N, C-alpha and C. Protein backbone atom coordinates (compact mmCIF):
# COMPACT_ATOMS: atom_id res chain seq x y z
N MET A 1 80.05 117.06 38.03
CA MET A 1 78.90 117.91 38.12
C MET A 1 78.89 118.72 39.41
N ILE A 2 79.19 118.05 40.52
CA ILE A 2 79.16 118.74 41.81
C ILE A 2 80.21 119.84 41.84
N LEU A 3 81.41 119.56 41.32
CA LEU A 3 82.44 120.61 41.28
C LEU A 3 82.00 121.77 40.40
N ASP A 4 81.38 121.48 39.29
CA ASP A 4 80.89 122.54 38.41
C ASP A 4 79.90 123.43 39.14
N LEU A 5 78.97 122.81 39.86
CA LEU A 5 77.97 123.59 40.60
C LEU A 5 78.60 124.34 41.77
N ALA A 6 79.55 123.71 42.43
CA ALA A 6 80.22 124.39 43.54
C ALA A 6 80.93 125.65 43.05
N LEU A 7 81.58 125.56 41.90
CA LEU A 7 82.26 126.73 41.35
C LEU A 7 81.28 127.78 40.86
N LYS A 8 80.16 127.34 40.32
CA LYS A 8 79.15 128.27 39.81
C LYS A 8 78.45 129.03 40.93
N ASP A 9 78.08 128.33 41.99
CA ASP A 9 77.21 128.90 43.02
C ASP A 9 77.89 129.23 44.34
N HIS A 10 79.11 128.76 44.54
CA HIS A 10 79.77 128.96 45.83
C HIS A 10 81.18 129.50 45.59
N VAL A 11 81.32 130.80 45.63
CA VAL A 11 82.61 131.45 45.38
C VAL A 11 83.68 130.93 46.33
N SER A 12 83.29 130.55 47.53
CA SER A 12 84.26 130.08 48.51
C SER A 12 85.02 128.84 48.03
N ALA A 13 84.42 128.05 47.12
CA ALA A 13 85.12 126.88 46.58
C ALA A 13 86.37 127.30 45.82
N SER A 14 86.28 128.43 45.10
CA SER A 14 87.45 128.93 44.37
C SER A 14 88.42 129.65 45.29
N VAL A 15 87.87 130.41 46.24
CA VAL A 15 88.71 131.23 47.10
C VAL A 15 89.46 130.39 48.13
N TYR A 16 88.74 129.52 48.83
CA TYR A 16 89.34 128.75 49.92
C TYR A 16 89.73 127.34 49.52
N GLY A 17 89.15 126.83 48.46
CA GLY A 17 89.42 125.46 48.05
C GLY A 17 88.44 124.49 48.67
N ILE A 18 88.69 123.22 48.42
CA ILE A 18 87.79 122.19 48.93
C ILE A 18 88.57 121.10 49.64
N SER A 19 87.91 120.48 50.61
CA SER A 19 88.37 119.25 51.23
C SER A 19 87.27 118.24 50.95
N ALA A 20 87.57 117.26 50.14
CA ALA A 20 86.56 116.27 49.75
C ALA A 20 86.70 115.02 50.59
N ILE A 21 85.56 114.46 50.97
CA ILE A 21 85.53 113.20 51.71
C ILE A 21 84.82 112.18 50.82
N PHE A 22 85.51 111.11 50.51
CA PHE A 22 84.95 110.03 49.71
C PHE A 22 84.77 108.82 50.62
N ASP A 23 83.54 108.52 50.99
CA ASP A 23 83.26 107.36 51.83
C ASP A 23 83.13 106.15 50.91
N MET A 24 84.04 105.23 51.04
CA MET A 24 84.12 104.09 50.14
C MET A 24 83.29 102.89 50.60
N THR A 25 82.45 103.10 51.62
CA THR A 25 81.57 102.03 52.07
C THR A 25 80.71 101.56 50.90
N GLY A 26 80.71 100.27 50.66
CA GLY A 26 79.88 99.71 49.59
C GLY A 26 80.53 99.70 48.22
N VAL A 27 81.75 100.22 48.10
CA VAL A 27 82.43 100.19 46.81
C VAL A 27 82.95 98.77 46.59
N SER A 28 82.52 98.17 45.50
CA SER A 28 82.90 96.79 45.21
C SER A 28 84.12 96.75 44.29
N LEU A 29 84.66 95.56 44.13
CA LEU A 29 85.77 95.36 43.21
C LEU A 29 85.34 95.72 41.79
N ASP A 30 84.09 95.43 41.43
CA ASP A 30 83.60 95.79 40.10
C ASP A 30 83.64 97.31 39.89
N HIS A 31 83.29 98.07 40.92
CA HIS A 31 83.39 99.53 40.82
C HIS A 31 84.84 99.94 40.57
N ALA A 32 85.74 99.38 41.35
CA ALA A 32 87.16 99.74 41.24
C ALA A 32 87.72 99.40 39.87
N LEU A 33 87.29 98.28 39.30
CA LEU A 33 87.81 97.85 38.00
C LEU A 33 87.34 98.74 36.85
N GLN A 34 86.32 99.56 37.06
CA GLN A 34 85.87 100.49 36.03
C GLN A 34 86.84 101.65 35.86
N MET A 35 87.70 101.85 36.83
CA MET A 35 88.68 102.94 36.78
C MET A 35 89.93 102.47 36.05
N THR A 36 89.89 102.56 34.74
CA THR A 36 91.04 102.17 33.93
C THR A 36 92.11 103.25 34.03
N PRO A 37 93.37 102.92 33.74
CA PRO A 37 94.41 103.95 33.80
C PRO A 37 94.12 105.18 32.94
N SER A 38 93.50 105.00 31.77
CA SER A 38 93.23 106.18 30.93
C SER A 38 92.15 107.07 31.56
N VAL A 39 91.13 106.47 32.18
CA VAL A 39 90.11 107.25 32.89
C VAL A 39 90.74 107.98 34.07
N ILE A 40 91.57 107.26 34.81
CA ILE A 40 92.23 107.85 35.98
C ILE A 40 93.11 109.02 35.56
N LYS A 41 93.85 108.85 34.47
CA LYS A 41 94.73 109.93 34.00
C LYS A 41 93.92 111.17 33.63
N ARG A 42 92.80 110.99 32.93
CA ARG A 42 91.96 112.14 32.54
C ARG A 42 91.34 112.82 33.76
N LEU A 43 90.86 112.05 34.71
CA LEU A 43 90.29 112.63 35.93
C LEU A 43 91.33 113.43 36.70
N THR A 44 92.51 112.85 36.84
CA THR A 44 93.58 113.53 37.58
C THR A 44 93.98 114.82 36.88
N HIS A 45 94.09 114.79 35.56
CA HIS A 45 94.41 116.00 34.80
C HIS A 45 93.35 117.08 35.03
N ALA A 46 92.09 116.69 35.02
CA ALA A 46 91.00 117.66 35.23
C ALA A 46 91.10 118.29 36.61
N TRP A 47 91.33 117.49 37.64
CA TRP A 47 91.42 118.02 39.00
C TRP A 47 92.60 118.96 39.16
N GLN A 48 93.73 118.57 38.59
CA GLN A 48 94.96 119.35 38.79
C GLN A 48 95.05 120.58 37.90
N GLY A 49 94.60 120.48 36.67
CA GLY A 49 94.89 121.55 35.74
C GLY A 49 93.72 122.28 35.13
N CYS A 50 92.50 121.78 35.33
CA CYS A 50 91.37 122.38 34.63
C CYS A 50 90.39 123.12 35.53
N TYR A 51 90.17 122.63 36.71
CA TYR A 51 89.23 123.30 37.61
C TYR A 51 89.94 124.43 38.34
N PRO A 52 89.34 125.62 38.34
CA PRO A 52 89.98 126.76 39.01
C PRO A 52 89.71 126.75 40.52
N LEU A 53 90.20 125.72 41.18
CA LEU A 53 90.06 125.66 42.62
C LEU A 53 91.26 124.97 43.23
N ARG A 54 91.43 125.20 44.50
CA ARG A 54 92.55 124.61 45.23
C ARG A 54 92.03 123.41 46.00
N ILE A 55 92.64 122.28 45.79
CA ILE A 55 92.25 121.09 46.54
C ILE A 55 93.04 121.10 47.84
N GLN A 56 92.33 121.29 48.94
CA GLN A 56 92.95 121.26 50.26
C GLN A 56 93.31 119.82 50.63
N SER A 57 92.36 118.91 50.41
CA SER A 57 92.63 117.50 50.70
C SER A 57 91.59 116.62 50.03
N LEU A 58 92.02 115.42 49.67
CA LEU A 58 91.13 114.36 49.18
C LEU A 58 91.22 113.25 50.21
N ASN A 59 90.13 112.99 50.90
CA ASN A 59 90.12 112.05 52.01
C ASN A 59 89.24 110.85 51.68
N PHE A 60 89.84 109.67 51.72
CA PHE A 60 89.12 108.44 51.43
C PHE A 60 88.94 107.69 52.75
N VAL A 61 87.69 107.43 53.12
CA VAL A 61 87.40 106.73 54.37
C VAL A 61 86.72 105.41 54.06
N ASN A 62 86.90 104.46 54.98
CA ASN A 62 86.29 103.13 54.84
C ASN A 62 86.66 102.47 53.52
N ALA A 63 87.91 102.60 53.13
CA ALA A 63 88.37 102.10 51.83
C ALA A 63 88.82 100.64 51.93
N PRO A 64 88.22 99.74 51.13
CA PRO A 64 88.72 98.37 51.05
C PRO A 64 90.12 98.35 50.42
N VAL A 65 90.82 97.25 50.58
CA VAL A 65 92.19 97.13 50.08
C VAL A 65 92.28 97.44 48.59
N TYR A 66 91.35 96.95 47.79
CA TYR A 66 91.43 97.16 46.34
C TYR A 66 91.24 98.63 45.97
N VAL A 67 90.56 99.40 46.79
CA VAL A 67 90.44 100.84 46.53
C VAL A 67 91.81 101.50 46.70
N ASN A 68 92.59 101.02 47.66
CA ASN A 68 93.95 101.55 47.84
C ASN A 68 94.78 101.37 46.57
N LEU A 69 94.60 100.26 45.88
CA LEU A 69 95.34 100.03 44.64
C LEU A 69 94.96 101.06 43.58
N VAL A 70 93.67 101.36 43.46
CA VAL A 70 93.21 102.36 42.49
C VAL A 70 93.74 103.74 42.88
N ILE A 71 93.71 104.06 44.16
CA ILE A 71 94.21 105.36 44.62
C ILE A 71 95.70 105.49 44.32
N ASN A 72 96.44 104.41 44.46
CA ASN A 72 97.87 104.45 44.12
C ASN A 72 98.08 104.71 42.63
N ILE A 73 97.20 104.20 41.78
CA ILE A 73 97.30 104.51 40.35
C ILE A 73 97.00 105.99 40.13
N PHE A 74 95.97 106.51 40.82
CA PHE A 74 95.69 107.95 40.75
C PHE A 74 96.94 108.75 41.13
N LYS A 75 97.58 108.35 42.21
CA LYS A 75 98.75 109.08 42.70
C LYS A 75 99.89 109.09 41.68
N SER A 76 99.97 108.05 40.85
CA SER A 76 101.05 108.01 39.86
C SER A 76 100.91 109.12 38.82
N PHE A 77 99.70 109.68 38.67
CA PHE A 77 99.46 110.77 37.72
C PHE A 77 99.41 112.14 38.40
N MET A 78 99.52 112.17 39.71
CA MET A 78 99.41 113.43 40.46
C MET A 78 100.76 114.11 40.63
N ASP A 79 100.71 115.44 40.75
CA ASP A 79 101.93 116.15 41.13
C ASP A 79 102.16 115.92 42.62
N GLU A 80 103.34 116.27 43.09
CA GLU A 80 103.72 115.99 44.48
C GLU A 80 102.78 116.66 45.48
N LYS A 81 102.35 117.87 45.17
CA LYS A 81 101.49 118.60 46.10
C LYS A 81 100.16 117.87 46.30
N LEU A 82 99.55 117.43 45.20
CA LEU A 82 98.27 116.73 45.31
C LEU A 82 98.44 115.36 45.96
N LYS A 83 99.57 114.69 45.66
CA LYS A 83 99.84 113.40 46.31
C LYS A 83 99.85 113.56 47.82
N SER A 84 100.50 114.63 48.29
CA SER A 84 100.62 114.83 49.74
C SER A 84 99.27 115.18 50.37
N ARG A 85 98.33 115.61 49.56
CA ARG A 85 97.00 116.00 50.07
C ARG A 85 95.96 114.90 49.88
N THR A 86 96.39 113.75 49.36
CA THR A 86 95.49 112.62 49.16
C THR A 86 95.73 111.62 50.28
N LEU A 87 94.72 111.42 51.10
CA LEU A 87 94.86 110.63 52.32
C LEU A 87 93.83 109.51 52.37
N VAL A 88 94.30 108.32 52.74
CA VAL A 88 93.41 107.19 52.95
C VAL A 88 93.38 106.93 54.44
N HIS A 89 92.17 106.96 55.02
CA HIS A 89 92.01 106.80 56.46
C HIS A 89 91.43 105.43 56.77
N LYS A 90 91.92 104.85 57.85
CA LYS A 90 91.34 103.59 58.32
C LYS A 90 90.02 103.93 59.01
N GLY A 91 88.97 103.22 58.66
CA GLY A 91 87.67 103.51 59.25
C GLY A 91 87.20 104.89 58.83
N SER A 92 86.40 105.52 59.69
CA SER A 92 85.85 106.84 59.35
C SER A 92 86.76 107.97 59.78
N SER A 93 87.72 107.72 60.69
CA SER A 93 88.70 108.71 61.13
C SER A 93 88.07 110.01 61.60
N LYS A 94 87.04 109.90 62.43
CA LYS A 94 86.37 111.10 62.95
C LYS A 94 87.35 112.04 63.62
N GLU A 95 88.31 111.48 64.35
CA GLU A 95 89.25 112.34 65.07
C GLU A 95 90.12 113.16 64.10
N PHE A 96 90.46 112.61 62.94
CA PHE A 96 91.22 113.37 61.95
C PHE A 96 90.40 114.54 61.43
N PHE A 97 89.17 114.28 61.05
CA PHE A 97 88.32 115.33 60.49
C PHE A 97 88.00 116.41 61.51
N GLU A 98 87.90 116.04 62.77
CA GLU A 98 87.60 117.03 63.80
C GLU A 98 88.74 118.03 63.95
N THR A 99 89.97 117.63 63.60
CA THR A 99 91.10 118.56 63.73
C THR A 99 91.43 119.27 62.42
N LYS A 100 91.05 118.72 61.29
CA LYS A 100 91.44 119.29 59.99
C LYS A 100 90.33 120.03 59.26
N VAL A 101 89.08 119.70 59.56
CA VAL A 101 87.94 120.34 58.89
C VAL A 101 87.06 120.95 59.98
N PRO A 102 86.66 122.21 59.83
CA PRO A 102 85.80 122.82 60.85
C PRO A 102 84.56 121.97 61.11
N GLN A 103 84.27 121.74 62.38
CA GLN A 103 83.16 120.88 62.79
C GLN A 103 81.84 121.36 62.20
N ARG A 104 81.69 122.67 62.01
CA ARG A 104 80.43 123.21 61.49
C ARG A 104 80.19 122.80 60.03
N LEU A 105 81.25 122.31 59.34
CA LEU A 105 81.12 121.90 57.94
C LEU A 105 80.93 120.40 57.78
N LEU A 106 81.19 119.64 58.83
CA LEU A 106 81.11 118.18 58.74
C LEU A 106 79.72 117.67 59.10
N PRO A 107 79.24 116.65 58.38
CA PRO A 107 77.99 116.03 58.79
C PRO A 107 78.18 115.28 60.11
N GLU A 108 77.08 115.02 60.78
CA GLU A 108 77.11 114.34 62.08
C GLU A 108 77.85 113.01 62.01
N GLU A 109 77.70 112.29 60.90
CA GLU A 109 78.32 110.96 60.78
C GLU A 109 79.83 111.02 60.84
N TYR A 110 80.41 112.19 60.62
CA TYR A 110 81.87 112.36 60.69
C TYR A 110 82.28 113.21 61.88
N GLY A 111 81.39 113.31 62.86
CA GLY A 111 81.72 114.04 64.09
C GLY A 111 81.44 115.52 64.03
N GLY A 112 80.74 115.99 63.03
CA GLY A 112 80.47 117.41 62.88
C GLY A 112 79.11 117.83 63.38
N SER A 113 78.79 119.08 63.13
CA SER A 113 77.51 119.64 63.60
C SER A 113 76.68 120.20 62.44
N ALA A 114 76.96 119.78 61.21
CA ALA A 114 76.26 120.31 60.03
C ALA A 114 75.01 119.51 59.68
N GLY A 115 74.50 118.75 60.62
CA GLY A 115 73.31 117.95 60.35
C GLY A 115 73.66 116.61 59.74
N PRO A 116 72.65 115.80 59.49
CA PRO A 116 72.91 114.47 58.93
C PRO A 116 73.39 114.52 57.49
N LEU A 117 74.15 113.52 57.11
CA LEU A 117 74.68 113.40 55.75
C LEU A 117 73.55 113.42 54.72
N GLN A 118 72.42 112.85 55.06
CA GLN A 118 71.30 112.82 54.13
C GLN A 118 70.88 114.22 53.71
N ASN A 119 71.03 115.21 54.58
CA ASN A 119 70.71 116.60 54.21
C ASN A 119 71.61 117.09 53.08
N LEU A 120 72.91 116.75 53.15
CA LEU A 120 73.84 117.12 52.08
C LEU A 120 73.50 116.40 50.78
N ILE A 121 73.16 115.13 50.91
CA ILE A 121 72.78 114.36 49.72
C ILE A 121 71.57 115.00 49.06
N ASN A 122 70.57 115.34 49.87
CA ASN A 122 69.36 115.97 49.33
C ASN A 122 69.66 117.32 48.70
N TYR A 123 70.54 118.11 49.35
CA TYR A 123 70.89 119.43 48.82
C TYR A 123 71.52 119.31 47.43
N TRP A 124 72.54 118.45 47.30
CA TRP A 124 73.24 118.33 46.03
C TRP A 124 72.39 117.66 44.96
N LYS A 125 71.55 116.72 45.36
CA LYS A 125 70.63 116.10 44.38
C LYS A 125 69.70 117.16 43.82
N SER A 126 69.15 117.98 44.69
CA SER A 126 68.26 119.06 44.27
C SER A 126 69.00 120.07 43.39
N ALA A 127 70.24 120.40 43.78
CA ALA A 127 71.03 121.36 43.00
C ALA A 127 71.30 120.84 41.59
N VAL A 128 71.62 119.56 41.47
CA VAL A 128 71.86 118.97 40.15
C VAL A 128 70.58 118.99 39.32
N GLU A 129 69.47 118.62 39.93
CA GLU A 129 68.19 118.62 39.20
C GLU A 129 67.81 120.02 38.74
N GLU A 130 67.95 121.01 39.63
CA GLU A 130 67.58 122.39 39.30
C GLU A 130 68.48 122.98 38.22
N ASN A 131 69.73 122.55 38.19
CA ASN A 131 70.70 123.09 37.24
C ASN A 131 70.92 122.18 36.04
N SER A 132 70.04 121.22 35.85
CA SER A 132 70.18 120.26 34.76
C SER A 132 70.35 120.93 33.39
N PRO A 133 69.54 121.94 33.04
CA PRO A 133 69.75 122.58 31.73
C PRO A 133 71.13 123.22 31.61
N TRP A 134 71.59 123.86 32.66
CA TRP A 134 72.91 124.50 32.64
C TRP A 134 74.01 123.44 32.50
N LEU A 135 73.89 122.34 33.24
CA LEU A 135 74.88 121.27 33.15
C LEU A 135 74.89 120.65 31.76
N LYS A 136 73.71 120.42 31.19
CA LYS A 136 73.63 119.83 29.85
C LYS A 136 74.19 120.76 28.79
N SER A 137 74.06 122.06 29.00
CA SER A 137 74.58 123.01 28.00
C SER A 137 76.10 122.90 27.87
N GLY A 138 76.78 122.47 28.92
CA GLY A 138 78.22 122.31 28.85
C GLY A 138 78.67 121.14 28.01
N GLU A 139 77.75 120.23 27.72
CA GLU A 139 78.09 119.05 26.92
C GLU A 139 78.36 119.39 25.46
N GLN A 140 77.97 120.58 25.02
CA GLN A 140 78.21 120.97 23.63
C GLN A 140 79.67 121.32 23.37
N TYR A 141 80.43 121.53 24.43
CA TYR A 141 81.83 121.90 24.26
C TYR A 141 82.70 120.66 24.27
N ARG A 142 83.69 120.66 23.44
CA ARG A 142 84.60 119.52 23.32
C ARG A 142 86.03 120.00 23.50
N LEU A 143 86.87 119.08 23.92
CA LEU A 143 88.29 119.36 24.08
C LEU A 143 88.94 119.49 22.71
N ALA A 144 89.63 120.58 22.51
CA ALA A 144 90.36 120.77 21.25
C ALA A 144 91.66 120.00 21.34
N THR A 145 91.89 119.13 20.38
CA THR A 145 93.13 118.36 20.38
C THR A 145 94.02 118.82 19.25
N PRO A 146 95.32 118.79 19.49
CA PRO A 146 96.26 119.24 18.45
C PRO A 146 96.31 118.31 17.26
């Protein structure tokens, strides 16, 4: 949903691409076990071949050991370029983000100056709620299979 809205409302997502940060704090083994290989394969296919955007990097922070196992399964379905852009960081890796992502785009919790993370959460929650009819309208389309 967030990628759909980013592409709809933020042209820069298509032009410049995205660097995603996935904070794995609080992700349990039960969460990880929901990611079956078939789900992982479909998600990876969507990221690589269906969304018209360039993935600059996928950054996983505060990842427990079992999350690394799931990420390795994801990598088995990725092309080499996306594999090289998928990074697992020990802890929050503020110093990495300060050199790779402009500070003005990072929330304070990651060493940036874009305000608290809660502001981003509130922004995207509001965007999803406001665009709910548009998002639901996409559910009428189905993948054509041979």
